[in-house]
Amino acid sequence: MDDRVQATGTTSGGAKQHYAEPLRSGRKLYIGIVIGTTSSDVVVLDDAGNVIFCDYQRTSGKPIETVRSQLDK
């Protein structure tokens, strides 16, 4: 059986999250962060280019705090 987890959700603040598969130790992961005027996006890819995690959040004028929150997930 494939151990991938496919789940997409929206938080009460309208944030969109997507978890493609569980994290395992020993994998190389790459993180991309985009901080814009009104929102920020965080994406994590494995060395094969598969999306492991992505998260979109409105920054509400607090971009640094928003990205910290996204990275804590």
N, C-alpha and C. Protein backbone atom coordinates (compact mmCIF):
# COMPACT_ATOMS: atom_id res chain seq x y z
N MET A 1 0.84 -1.18 0.00
CA MET A 1 0.00 0.00 0.00
C MET A 1 0.88 1.24 0.00
N ASP A 2 0.50 2.24 -0.74
CA ASP A 2 1.21 3.51 -0.81
C ASP A 2 1.03 4.25 0.50
N ASP A 3 2.14 4.78 1.07
CA ASP A 3 2.03 5.47 2.36
C ASP A 3 1.87 6.98 2.20
N ARG A 4 1.58 7.43 1.00
CA ARG A 4 1.37 8.86 0.82
C ARG A 4 0.07 9.30 1.49
N VAL A 5 0.10 10.52 1.98
CA VAL A 5 -1.07 11.11 2.61
C VAL A 5 -1.49 12.30 1.76
N GLN A 6 -2.69 12.29 1.27
CA GLN A 6 -3.20 13.42 0.49
C GLN A 6 -4.27 14.12 1.31
N ALA A 7 -4.01 15.33 1.69
CA ALA A 7 -4.99 16.08 2.47
C ALA A 7 -4.83 17.56 2.16
N THR A 8 -5.91 18.19 1.89
CA THR A 8 -5.91 19.63 1.67
C THR A 8 -6.96 20.22 2.59
N GLY A 9 -6.62 21.31 3.24
CA GLY A 9 -7.57 21.92 4.16
C GLY A 9 -7.48 23.43 4.12
N THR A 10 -8.44 24.05 4.71
CA THR A 10 -8.47 25.50 4.85
C THR A 10 -8.69 25.82 6.31
N THR A 11 -7.83 26.66 6.87
CA THR A 11 -7.97 27.05 8.27
C THR A 11 -9.04 28.11 8.40
N SER A 12 -9.39 28.44 9.64
CA SER A 12 -10.43 29.45 9.88
C SER A 12 -10.03 30.82 9.33
N GLY A 13 -8.72 31.08 9.19
CA GLY A 13 -8.26 32.34 8.64
C GLY A 13 -8.18 32.34 7.12
N GLY A 14 -8.64 31.27 6.49
CA GLY A 14 -8.64 31.20 5.04
C GLY A 14 -7.34 30.65 4.46
N ALA A 15 -6.45 30.17 5.30
CA ALA A 15 -5.17 29.65 4.82
C ALA A 15 -5.37 28.29 4.19
N LYS A 16 -4.62 28.04 3.13
CA LYS A 16 -4.70 26.75 2.45
C LYS A 16 -3.44 25.96 2.76
N GLN A 17 -3.63 24.70 3.08
CA GLN A 17 -2.51 23.82 3.38
C GLN A 17 -2.64 22.54 2.59
N HIS A 18 -1.51 21.97 2.24
CA HIS A 18 -1.50 20.70 1.53
C HIS A 18 -0.34 19.87 2.05
N TYR A 19 -0.62 18.69 2.49
CA TYR A 19 0.39 17.75 2.94
C TYR A 19 0.40 16.59 1.95
N ALA A 20 1.49 16.42 1.23
CA ALA A 20 1.53 15.38 0.21
C ALA A 20 1.93 14.03 0.77
N GLU A 21 2.84 14.00 1.73
CA GLU A 21 3.26 12.72 2.30
C GLU A 21 3.97 12.98 3.62
N PRO A 22 4.04 11.97 4.47
CA PRO A 22 4.70 12.15 5.76
C PRO A 22 6.20 12.33 5.61
N LEU A 23 6.80 13.07 6.52
CA LEU A 23 8.25 13.27 6.51
C LEU A 23 8.94 12.07 7.12
N ARG A 24 10.05 11.70 6.54
CA ARG A 24 10.87 10.60 7.06
C ARG A 24 12.29 11.11 7.19
N SER A 25 13.02 10.60 8.17
CA SER A 25 14.41 11.02 8.34
C SER A 25 15.26 10.48 7.20
N GLY A 26 16.37 11.12 6.97
CA GLY A 26 17.28 10.67 5.93
C GLY A 26 16.97 11.18 4.54
N ARG A 27 16.01 12.05 4.40
CA ARG A 27 15.65 12.58 3.09
C ARG A 27 16.19 13.99 2.95
N LYS A 28 16.60 14.35 1.73
CA LYS A 28 16.97 15.73 1.45
C LYS A 28 15.70 16.48 1.10
N LEU A 29 15.51 17.60 1.75
CA LEU A 29 14.33 18.42 1.51
C LEU A 29 14.77 19.83 1.13
N TYR A 30 13.97 20.47 0.30
CA TYR A 30 14.26 21.83 -0.15
C TYR A 30 13.05 22.69 0.18
N ILE A 31 13.30 23.88 0.71
CA ILE A 31 12.21 24.76 1.11
C ILE A 31 12.24 26.03 0.26
N GLY A 32 11.07 26.45 -0.17
CA GLY A 32 10.92 27.70 -0.90
C GLY A 32 9.96 28.60 -0.13
N ILE A 33 10.32 29.87 -0.02
CA ILE A 33 9.48 30.83 0.70
C ILE A 33 9.29 32.05 -0.18
N VAL A 34 8.03 32.45 -0.35
CA VAL A 34 7.71 33.66 -1.09
C VAL A 34 6.90 34.55 -0.16
N ILE A 35 7.41 35.76 0.07
CA ILE A 35 6.70 36.71 0.93
C ILE A 35 6.30 37.89 0.05
N GLY A 36 5.00 38.07 -0.07
CA GLY A 36 4.48 39.17 -0.87
C GLY A 36 3.86 40.25 0.00
N THR A 37 3.22 41.19 -0.64
CA THR A 37 2.60 42.30 0.07
C THR A 37 1.46 41.86 0.96
N THR A 38 0.67 40.89 0.51
CA THR A 38 -0.51 40.48 1.27
C THR A 38 -0.50 39.03 1.72
N SER A 39 0.42 38.23 1.20
CA SER A 39 0.41 36.81 1.56
C SER A 39 1.82 36.22 1.47
N SER A 40 1.96 35.02 2.02
CA SER A 40 3.22 34.29 1.90
C SER A 40 2.91 32.84 1.59
N ASP A 41 3.84 32.22 0.87
CA ASP A 41 3.73 30.82 0.50
C ASP A 41 4.99 30.11 0.95
N VAL A 42 4.82 28.91 1.49
CA VAL A 42 5.94 28.06 1.85
C VAL A 42 5.71 26.71 1.19
N VAL A 43 6.74 26.19 0.54
CA VAL A 43 6.65 24.87 -0.08
C VAL A 43 7.90 24.08 0.27
N VAL A 44 7.72 22.79 0.52
CA VAL A 44 8.83 21.88 0.79
C VAL A 44 8.79 20.78 -0.27
N LEU A 45 9.93 20.58 -0.94
CA LEU A 45 10.06 19.55 -1.97
C LEU A 45 11.11 18.53 -1.54
N ASP A 46 10.95 17.29 -2.00
CA ASP A 46 12.00 16.30 -1.78
C ASP A 46 12.97 16.36 -2.96
N ASP A 47 14.03 15.54 -2.92
CA ASP A 47 15.04 15.61 -3.97
C ASP A 47 14.54 15.13 -5.33
N ALA A 48 13.37 14.51 -5.38
CA ALA A 48 12.76 14.11 -6.65
C ALA A 48 11.79 15.17 -7.17
N GLY A 49 11.62 16.27 -6.42
CA GLY A 49 10.73 17.35 -6.85
C GLY A 49 9.28 17.17 -6.43
N ASN A 50 9.01 16.18 -5.59
CA ASN A 50 7.64 15.97 -5.09
C ASN A 50 7.33 16.98 -4.00
N VAL A 51 6.11 17.51 -4.01
CA VAL A 51 5.68 18.45 -2.98
C VAL A 51 5.39 17.66 -1.70
N ILE A 52 6.08 18.01 -0.64
CA ILE A 52 5.89 17.37 0.65
C ILE A 52 4.92 18.19 1.50
N PHE A 53 5.04 19.50 1.40
CA PHE A 53 4.19 20.39 2.19
C PHE A 53 4.09 21.71 1.45
N CYS A 54 2.91 22.31 1.46
CA CYS A 54 2.78 23.70 1.00
C CYS A 54 1.74 24.40 1.85
N ASP A 55 1.94 25.68 2.03
CA ASP A 55 1.06 26.45 2.90
C ASP A 55 0.96 27.88 2.37
N TYR A 56 -0.24 28.39 2.27
CA TYR A 56 -0.52 29.77 1.85
C TYR A 56 -1.19 30.47 3.01
N GLN A 57 -0.68 31.64 3.36
CA GLN A 57 -1.27 32.42 4.46
C GLN A 57 -1.35 33.89 4.06
N ARG A 58 -2.40 34.56 4.48
CA ARG A 58 -2.47 36.02 4.38
C ARG A 58 -1.57 36.57 5.47
N THR A 59 -0.78 37.59 5.16
CA THR A 59 0.17 38.11 6.15
C THR A 59 -0.44 39.11 7.12
N SER A 60 -1.53 39.73 6.77
CA SER A 60 -2.21 40.71 7.63
C SER A 60 -1.25 41.76 8.18
N GLY A 61 -0.30 42.18 7.36
CA GLY A 61 0.64 43.21 7.76
C GLY A 61 1.77 42.72 8.66
N LYS A 62 1.86 41.41 8.87
CA LYS A 62 2.90 40.84 9.74
C LYS A 62 3.60 39.70 9.01
N PRO A 63 4.39 40.02 7.98
CA PRO A 63 4.98 38.96 7.15
C PRO A 63 5.97 38.06 7.89
N ILE A 64 6.81 38.62 8.75
CA ILE A 64 7.80 37.80 9.46
C ILE A 64 7.10 36.83 10.41
N GLU A 65 6.14 37.32 11.17
CA GLU A 65 5.40 36.46 12.09
C GLU A 65 4.65 35.36 11.35
N THR A 66 4.09 35.71 10.20
CA THR A 66 3.35 34.75 9.39
C THR A 66 4.25 33.61 8.92
N VAL A 67 5.42 33.96 8.39
CA VAL A 67 6.34 32.93 7.89
C VAL A 67 6.86 32.08 9.04
N ARG A 68 7.14 32.69 10.17
CA ARG A 68 7.56 31.90 11.35
C ARG A 68 6.50 30.88 11.71
N SER A 69 5.25 31.32 11.69
CA SER A 69 4.13 30.42 11.97
C SER A 69 4.06 29.28 10.96
N GLN A 70 4.27 29.59 9.69
CA GLN A 70 4.24 28.57 8.65
C GLN A 70 5.38 27.57 8.84
N LEU A 71 6.55 28.04 9.20
CA LEU A 71 7.70 27.14 9.38
C LEU A 71 7.56 26.27 10.62
N ASP A 72 6.78 26.72 11.59
CA ASP A 72 6.54 25.92 12.81
C ASP A 72 5.68 24.70 12.51
N LYS A 73 4.94 24.73 11.40
CA LYS A 73 4.05 23.62 11.08
C LYS A 73 4.87 22.44 10.66
